[in-house]
Amino acid sequence: MRKILCCAVVLISLTKALLAQPYTVENGKSRHRFAQLNIGFDARTFLSGGSQTHFVNSGGQLESRELENHTETRIIIGGTHFWGHADFYIGIPVVAFDKKGFQTGAETGAKYFPWRIENNKVRPFVGMSMLPVSYQQGEGTTMKRFKYPILGGFVYNHKNHLLELSGGFNYNNSGNYYITENQKVHLKTQPFWISLGYKFMIETTLSAEKDWQSGRTKLLTDTLSKRKKLNGLTLAIGPSAAFYLKKSDHNEQIAPYADQLKSADIFPEFALGYYIHQPDIHIGLSYRNIKSELKAFSFSQKSSRQAFTLEAYKFFADYHGFAVFAGPALSYEQLKVTETNKQLSDKGAFDGIKPGIAFGWDIRPNRLQSWYLRTNLRYFPNLDGKMSDGKNVSFDQLEFNFIQLVVLPGRMF
């Protein structure tokens, strides 16, 4: 529910943009036609063919069987870039029609269109994604893995509307799974899926194109910059994901059947900052509360990370409004691990400051807008919670905020 509410905040905040002009690139590849936001949904089915798991039957013998078809619906938030030649997106599952066994998480992907998207035309695409998948059998762990499937399909565009028929192939679909604390079997998850989706394209910047071409935008930018009127407070919110980058030696020794932490639950990110127009620097404070859990048989491990991060980054490149930034970050980290193993409890923690890096990009056709869409990533190395056995549970994560709404209130009035 939290991830749905977080997406809803972004959608409501963008209501104003729904009145903007339709998607078009026919009149040239200007910076104001470089990218378009799209929001929609899809339904997809993972097919059982090619999957396999094992279980112990009533006679104590090991039997194999296919997994069932898995059907889910998702919210899709993305954007076409490079004048209709690329689509970057995140897909967040909201309803799964089969609750046991195989599940997916928030997928991040990219699609390439050899022939750009155009009105009233069908266009093929190929692509890849980073897809978190999970599997649970009986009382075993919810095993999470990141897969990188190949994508393909067709998109039909009519004005603001995109209709998509696609499929995916997860070529790396096998691994080991513990069906008891001591017995592991070979598991193959569903390798193929088919999908049908709809997205509404939102053009947020085309109305400013004439002012840019006439020189009015530059004149106004220069005037306001001299008066320091383009500096100001920023407010931001968006849905984020976190991916674990290191194994935990503690888990490897205590409960190998419970697996390793691979990804956290989707969480909202809140940020407050100050933007300095010259020299194009943003200084901000962000807050994230990141949680995850492992559970298998008589073992349970809950991990939480609260991060208050001060960061300063510089915009150093601008390709037709695709503005890239990077800079250092300093984070106050509160790490907690609570563990139960056969009714024996253990705890681990860390409380302190860690350095890191923040980087990403804004979709910023000009520097007069009162709000932008931002993608940002963060990394803080050597985040560990030390357990009583002297070994660590690793919190090294790559944080990925795919779409963040950044508002500059001072420019609204």
Foldseek 3Di string as FASTA:
>chain_A
DQQVVQVVVVVVVCPVLQPDFWQDCPVHDFLLNFKWKKKWKKKKKQQQPPWKDWDQDPVRDIDMDTDHIKMFMWIKIWMAGRNQFKIWIWTATDDIPDDAFKDWGIKTWMKGWPDGADAQDKTKIKIKIWIWMWGDDDQFKTDIDTFIKIKIWMWHHHTQKIKTKIKIFGPPFWDWADPDQPDIDITGHRGMMIMIIMMGIGRRRPVCVVCVVVVVQVVVVVVCLVVQLLKFKKKKKFKKKKFDDDFFVVCVPPGVNQPADGIWHIWMKIKIWIFGVVVGKIWIWMWTKTKDWTGGDQKIKIKIKIKTKIWMKHFDDADSQWTKIKTKMKIFIWIKMWMTHPNDIKIWIDTGIFIWMKIWTWNGNHSLDQKTKIKMKIWTPDDWTAIPVRTTRDPGIIMIRGTMIMGGVSSVD
